[in-house]
Amino acid sequence: MSAALPLIGHRDAEVAFISANESGKLHHAWLIEGPAGIGKARLAMRLAAYMLGARGPGDSPMDAAQDDPVMQSYLAGGHPDQRTVQIELNDKGKPRQDITVDQIRDLNHFFTLRPAMGGWRVGIIDALDELNRNGANALLKTLEEPPASSIMFLINHGSKPILPTIRSRCRILRLKRLSDEDTAAVLKSVDAPKESLGLARGRPGLGIRLSSPAGLQAANAARAMLRGMPKPNDALLTAALQTANADAVAMEAFSAEVLGWLADKADNNPVAADAWLRASRLLGEADELNMEASQTAAKVIAGLYSVVGQG
């Protein structure tokens, strides 16, 4: 029997949740934290299906099969006691900038209703990073006064600070990057390009996303430039800047290589740690300010020279 929602890794988090459920002291809100691309959303889906009654074999209760009736209803999006809140499309068919306060108010209303199937009402917010301030404040209403037989799973990539009042009302499941072995297993299970393993760094979802032609070109150019440090030639610098400017995925691939290079040096080099922090902040601000990718990449590259003692 194969699981309808397989998950590689994060066994400790599932065991902790099952233990809390069996203790009779299950918290009403769970904050699932960790870097993007490691399986947080898949874990939330497995926990949600489990709370709705989907069951796998005795030693793997969250590995419910495709033909499990509850799992079938859940995967079809038709289970009356489950809601998932994500960024929606606008009138032009493009993703909105954030999760709106109206979406959170609708979720709050959902939790005021009795469970249609007599069990639990289950909500997922994917992700807190995409909530605006009004939405976050509206969410507090349900977190502070949770209705009976209700549970919420809040995904947090850590790209933006969340309200301390939200964090304090949740039990935290903190997930780590996957091991190289588990990362390879995830990528193999979805027939990802072989190049995605080198891009993942313990985040299979990231590796898959960055393995587009533009992403691969930007990653390779960034690696070549970094190998040329402290004195990369003009051709290497130009290639890094031009490929990073191709599209959003290319810029993300460039950024991942540079941040990874700095992170590898940060343990033994305080200057590298400071450069990593400055580069991370710059990349976050550039996204919010809609800066040109080439301009952002140039500033990130300039910051590398402090690490190698140039300038």
Protein backbone atom coordinates (compact mmCIF):
# COMPACT_ATOMS: atom_id res chain seq x y z
CA MET A 1 0.00 0.00 0.00
CA SER A 2 1.34 3.43 -0.92
CA ALA A 3 0.48 6.59 0.99
CA ALA A 4 -1.70 9.17 -0.76
CA LEU A 5 0.38 11.97 0.79
CA PRO A 6 3.87 10.49 1.24
CA LEU A 7 6.41 12.45 3.28
CA ILE A 8 10.12 11.77 3.56
CA GLY A 9 11.69 13.06 6.76
CA HIS A 10 10.17 14.94 9.71
CA ARG A 11 9.23 11.74 11.53
CA ASP A 12 9.93 13.35 14.93
CA ALA A 13 7.38 16.10 14.25
CA GLU A 14 4.67 13.58 13.40
CA VAL A 15 5.46 11.49 16.47
CA ALA A 16 5.24 14.61 18.66
CA PHE A 17 1.83 15.47 17.21
CA ILE A 18 0.44 11.95 17.58
CA SER A 19 1.71 11.81 21.15
CA ALA A 20 -0.04 15.10 21.95
CA ASN A 21 -3.26 13.84 20.40
CA GLU A 22 -3.16 10.57 22.31
CA SER A 23 -2.49 12.41 25.58
CA GLY A 24 -5.85 14.16 25.32
CA LYS A 25 -4.13 17.56 25.55
CA LEU A 26 -3.99 18.50 21.89
CA HIS A 27 -3.22 22.19 21.33
CA HIS A 28 -5.66 24.12 19.14
CA ALA A 29 -2.98 25.79 16.95
CA TRP A 30 0.29 24.41 15.58
CA LEU A 31 2.98 26.60 14.06
CA ILE A 32 4.97 24.58 11.50
CA GLU A 33 8.26 26.43 10.97
CA GLY A 34 11.31 25.94 8.80
CA PRO A 35 12.89 26.98 5.50
CA ALA A 36 10.78 26.90 2.36
CA GLY A 37 10.94 23.73 0.30
CA ILE A 38 11.38 21.12 3.04
CA GLY A 39 7.84 19.70 3.19
CA LYS A 40 5.98 21.87 5.71
CA ALA A 41 2.84 22.10 3.59
CA ARG A 42 2.84 18.35 3.01
CA LEU A 43 3.19 17.75 6.76
CA ALA A 44 0.26 20.11 7.42
CA MET A 45 -1.88 18.21 4.89
CA ARG A 46 -1.04 14.87 6.51
CA LEU A 47 -1.90 16.22 9.98
CA ALA A 48 -5.15 17.70 8.66
CA ALA A 49 -6.22 14.43 6.99
CA TYR A 50 -5.31 12.52 10.16
CA MET A 51 -7.48 14.80 12.31
CA LEU A 52 -10.37 14.33 9.89
CA GLY A 53 -10.11 10.56 10.33
CA ALA A 54 -7.87 9.30 7.49
CA ARG A 55 -5.75 6.40 8.73
CA GLY A 56 -2.82 4.38 7.49
CA PRO A 57 -1.47 1.11 8.91
CA GLY A 58 -0.83 0.77 12.63
CA ASP A 59 2.84 1.74 12.54
CA SER A 60 2.25 4.61 10.07
CA PRO A 61 -1.14 6.13 10.94
CA MET A 62 -0.63 9.20 8.72
CA ASP A 63 0.11 7.14 5.61
CA ALA A 64 -3.53 6.75 4.59
CA ALA A 65 -3.97 5.24 1.14
CA GLN A 66 -5.62 6.85 -1.86
CA ASP A 67 -8.74 4.70 -1.43
CA ASP A 68 -9.31 5.78 2.19
CA PRO A 69 -12.77 7.48 2.06
CA VAL A 70 -11.70 10.45 4.18
CA MET A 71 -8.51 10.88 2.19
CA GLN A 72 -10.47 10.78 -1.05
CA SER A 73 -12.75 13.56 0.16
CA TYR A 74 -9.82 15.59 1.45
CA LEU A 75 -7.76 15.33 -1.74
CA ALA A 76 -10.78 16.24 -3.85
CA GLY A 77 -11.13 19.46 -1.86
CA GLY A 78 -14.65 18.54 -0.88
CA HIS A 79 -14.35 17.72 2.81
CA PRO A 80 -16.82 20.01 4.59
CA ASP A 81 -14.73 20.28 7.76
CA GLN A 82 -11.45 21.44 6.22
CA ARG A 83 -10.31 24.80 4.83
CA THR A 84 -6.96 25.87 3.39
CA VAL A 85 -6.12 29.56 3.06
CA GLN A 86 -3.57 30.57 0.43
CA ILE A 87 -2.91 33.57 -1.78
CA GLU A 88 -5.70 33.86 -4.32
CA LEU A 89 -5.74 35.17 -7.87
CA ASN A 90 -6.89 38.70 -8.62
CA ASP A 91 -9.35 39.74 -11.34
CA LYS A 92 -6.55 39.52 -13.94
CA GLY A 93 -5.71 35.94 -13.02
CA LYS A 94 -2.46 36.85 -11.26
CA PRO A 95 -1.58 36.05 -7.62
CA ARG A 96 -2.42 38.75 -5.13
CA GLN A 97 0.38 40.27 -3.05
CA ASP A 98 -0.84 38.74 0.19
CA ILE A 99 -3.55 36.75 1.94
CA THR A 100 -6.39 39.20 2.53
CA VAL A 101 -8.17 39.98 5.77
CA ASP A 102 -11.44 38.81 4.17
CA GLN A 103 -9.95 35.35 3.66
CA ILE A 104 -9.07 35.18 7.36
CA ARG A 105 -12.51 36.42 8.35
CA ASP A 106 -14.04 33.65 6.23
CA LEU A 107 -11.81 31.15 8.05
CA ASN A 108 -12.87 32.55 11.40
CA HIS A 109 -16.52 32.11 10.41
CA PHE A 110 -15.81 28.54 9.28
CA PHE A 111 -14.59 27.74 12.79
CA THR A 112 -17.82 29.01 14.36
CA LEU A 113 -19.81 26.27 12.58
CA ARG A 114 -20.37 22.79 13.93
CA PRO A 115 -18.31 20.03 12.31
CA ALA A 116 -20.48 18.57 9.55
CA MET A 117 -19.07 15.07 10.05
CA GLY A 118 -19.19 15.20 13.84
CA GLY A 119 -15.41 15.30 14.34
CA TRP A 120 -13.00 18.22 13.98
CA ARG A 121 -12.91 21.43 12.02
CA VAL A 122 -9.42 21.79 10.52
CA GLY A 123 -7.78 24.85 8.97
CA ILE A 124 -4.44 25.40 7.24
CA ILE A 125 -2.86 28.79 6.52
CA ASP A 126 -0.14 28.55 3.87
CA ALA A 127 1.66 30.71 4.80
CA LEU A 128 1.86 33.21 7.64
CA ASP A 129 4.61 35.01 5.70
CA GLU A 130 1.92 36.12 3.24
CA LEU A 131 -0.53 37.55 5.79
CA ASN A 132 -0.85 41.32 5.91
CA ARG A 133 -1.14 43.12 9.24
CA ASN A 134 -4.94 43.26 9.18
CA GLY A 135 -5.12 39.56 8.40
CA ALA A 136 -2.76 38.72 11.24
CA ASN A 137 -4.85 40.74 13.68
CA ALA A 138 -8.03 39.03 12.47
CA LEU A 139 -6.41 35.63 12.96
CA LEU A 140 -5.82 36.42 16.62
CA LYS A 141 -9.58 36.38 17.21
CA THR A 142 -9.77 32.63 16.65
CA LEU A 143 -6.40 31.88 18.25
CA GLU A 144 -7.43 33.68 21.44
CA GLU A 145 -10.91 32.13 21.62
CA PRO A 146 -10.67 28.78 19.83
CA PRO A 147 -14.00 27.00 19.36
CA ALA A 148 -14.32 23.44 20.59
CA SER A 149 -13.22 20.62 18.26
CA SER A 150 -11.18 22.94 16.09
CA ILE A 151 -7.52 22.86 15.13
CA MET A 152 -5.36 25.07 12.95
CA PHE A 153 -2.01 24.48 11.23
CA LEU A 154 -0.03 27.63 10.45
CA ILE A 155 2.90 27.34 8.04
CA ASN A 156 5.77 29.77 8.55
CA HIS A 157 8.76 29.99 6.18
CA GLY A 158 10.44 32.59 8.38
CA SER A 159 10.81 35.16 5.60
CA LYS A 160 9.02 37.82 7.64
CA PRO A 161 8.51 38.38 11.39
CA ILE A 162 5.18 37.20 12.78
CA LEU A 163 3.29 38.76 15.66
CA PRO A 164 4.55 37.55 19.05
CA THR A 165 0.91 37.25 20.09
CA ILE A 166 0.37 34.68 17.33
CA ARG A 167 3.50 32.71 18.22
CA SER A 168 2.65 32.64 21.91
CA ARG A 169 -0.72 31.00 21.21
CA CYS A 170 0.70 28.14 19.16
CA ARG A 171 2.61 24.98 19.81
CA ILE A 172 5.66 24.95 17.56
CA LEU A 173 6.83 22.17 15.26
CA ARG A 174 10.23 23.33 14.01
CA LEU A 175 11.37 21.43 10.93
CA LYS A 176 14.95 21.24 9.69
CA ARG A 177 16.48 20.87 6.26
CA LEU A 178 16.51 17.29 5.07
CA SER A 179 19.61 15.13 5.05
CA ASP A 180 21.35 14.61 1.73
CA GLU A 181 19.94 11.08 1.62
CA ASP A 182 16.36 12.18 2.27
CA THR A 183 16.70 15.08 -0.17
CA ALA A 184 17.85 12.70 -2.89
CA ALA A 185 14.97 10.33 -2.09
CA VAL A 186 12.38 13.11 -2.40
CA LEU A 187 13.79 14.30 -5.70
CA LYS A 188 13.92 10.77 -7.08
CA SER A 189 10.31 10.14 -6.05
CA VAL A 190 9.10 13.00 -8.23
CA ASP A 191 11.51 12.37 -11.13
CA ALA A 192 13.18 15.74 -10.61
CA PRO A 193 16.09 16.67 -12.91
CA LYS A 194 19.41 15.33 -11.64
CA GLU A 195 20.73 18.88 -11.38
CA SER A 196 18.12 19.70 -8.73
CA LEU A 197 20.07 17.81 -6.04
CA GLY A 198 22.98 20.23 -6.25
CA LEU A 199 20.61 23.18 -5.97
CA ALA A 200 18.53 21.89 -3.06
CA ARG A 201 20.83 22.13 -0.02
CA GLY A 202 18.40 20.07 2.04
CA ARG A 203 15.33 21.74 0.51
CA PRO A 204 13.91 19.49 -2.23
CA GLY A 205 11.18 21.95 -3.16
CA LEU A 206 13.81 24.61 -3.77
CA GLY A 207 15.90 22.27 -5.90
CA ILE A 208 12.90 21.44 -8.08
CA ARG A 209 11.91 25.08 -8.47
CA LEU A 210 15.42 26.25 -9.38
CA SER A 211 16.13 23.53 -11.91
CA SER A 212 14.57 25.46 -14.80
CA PRO A 213 16.93 26.33 -17.69
CA ALA A 214 17.27 29.91 -16.46
CA GLY A 215 17.75 28.78 -12.87
CA LEU A 216 20.47 26.32 -13.82
CA GLN A 217 22.30 28.92 -15.90
CA ALA A 218 22.22 31.44 -13.06
CA ALA A 219 23.37 28.87 -10.50
CA ASN A 220 26.26 27.72 -12.68
CA ALA A 221 27.34 31.28 -13.39
CA ALA A 222 27.21 32.16 -9.70
CA ARG A 223 29.31 29.11 -8.83
CA ALA A 224 31.90 30.00 -11.44
CA MET A 225 32.10 33.55 -10.11
CA LEU A 226 32.46 32.32 -6.53
CA ARG A 227 35.23 29.90 -7.53
CA GLY A 228 37.01 32.89 -9.01
CA MET A 229 37.00 34.81 -5.74
CA PRO A 230 38.80 36.92 -4.63
CA LYS A 231 39.48 38.07 -8.20
CA PRO A 232 36.82 36.84 -10.62
CA ASN A 233 37.46 38.16 -14.12
CA ASP A 234 35.09 40.47 -15.94
CA ALA A 235 33.60 37.62 -17.98
CA LEU A 236 32.61 35.71 -14.83
CA LEU A 237 31.09 38.80 -13.23
CA THR A 238 29.18 39.71 -16.38
CA ALA A 239 27.81 36.17 -16.76
CA ALA A 240 26.65 36.11 -13.14
CA LEU A 241 24.86 39.44 -13.48
CA GLN A 242 23.25 38.67 -16.82
CA THR A 243 21.98 35.22 -15.93
CA ALA A 244 20.61 36.42 -12.56
CA ASN A 245 18.62 39.04 -14.45
CA ALA A 246 16.80 36.47 -16.65
CA ASP A 247 13.73 35.96 -14.45
CA ALA A 248 12.61 35.55 -10.83
CA VAL A 249 13.74 31.92 -10.65
CA ALA A 250 17.17 32.83 -12.00
CA MET A 251 17.57 35.54 -9.36
CA GLU A 252 16.53 33.09 -6.67
CA ALA A 253 19.07 30.54 -7.94
CA PHE A 254 21.82 33.17 -7.95
CA SER A 255 20.87 34.27 -4.44
CA ALA A 256 20.78 30.71 -3.12
CA GLU A 257 24.31 30.03 -4.38
CA VAL A 258 25.73 33.23 -2.89
CA LEU A 259 23.97 32.82 0.46
CA GLY A 260 25.04 29.18 0.60
CA TRP A 261 28.66 30.16 -0.08
CA LEU A 262 28.54 32.72 2.73
CA ALA A 263 26.79 30.32 5.11
CA ASP A 264 29.50 27.70 4.58
CA LYS A 265 32.11 30.25 5.69
CA ALA A 266 30.05 31.83 8.49
CA ASP A 267 30.79 29.23 11.19
CA ASN A 268 34.46 30.18 11.30
CA ASN A 269 34.34 33.69 9.90
CA PRO A 270 32.35 36.44 11.66
CA VAL A 271 32.80 38.68 8.62
CA ALA A 272 31.07 36.06 6.45
CA ALA A 273 28.23 35.79 8.97
CA ASP A 274 27.74 39.55 8.84
CA ALA A 275 27.88 39.50 5.03
CA TRP A 276 25.25 36.74 4.94
CA LEU A 277 22.95 38.81 7.14
CA ARG A 278 23.42 41.94 5.02
CA ALA A 279 22.87 40.01 1.78
CA SER A 280 19.71 38.40 3.18
CA ARG A 281 18.32 41.77 4.21
CA LEU A 282 19.20 43.28 0.85
CA LEU A 283 17.43 40.50 -1.03
CA GLY A 284 14.33 40.85 1.14
CA GLU A 285 14.22 44.61 0.70
CA ALA A 286 14.81 44.34 -3.05
CA ASP A 287 11.75 42.15 -3.41
CA GLU A 288 9.58 44.56 -1.42
CA LEU A 289 10.90 47.59 -3.35
CA ASN A 290 10.72 45.88 -6.77
CA MET A 291 14.39 46.58 -7.45
CA GLU A 292 15.89 45.45 -10.75
CA ALA A 293 17.47 42.02 -10.42
CA SER A 294 20.74 43.13 -12.01
CA GLN A 295 21.03 46.02 -9.55
CA THR A 296 20.36 43.73 -6.60
CA ALA A 297 22.83 41.12 -7.85
CA ALA A 298 25.52 43.78 -8.27
CA LYS A 299 25.06 44.95 -4.68
CA VAL A 300 25.15 41.38 -3.39
CA ILE A 301 28.40 40.74 -5.29
CA ALA A 302 29.91 43.95 -3.90
CA GLY A 303 29.24 42.67 -0.41
CA LEU A 304 31.25 39.50 -1.05
CA TYR A 305 34.52 41.38 -1.23
CA SER A 306 34.46 42.12 2.50
CA VAL A 307 34.68 38.37 3.11
CA VAL A 308 37.67 37.81 0.85
CA GLY A 309 39.46 40.96 1.99
CA GLN A 310 38.99 42.97 -1.19
CA GLY A 311 37.79 46.54 -0.65
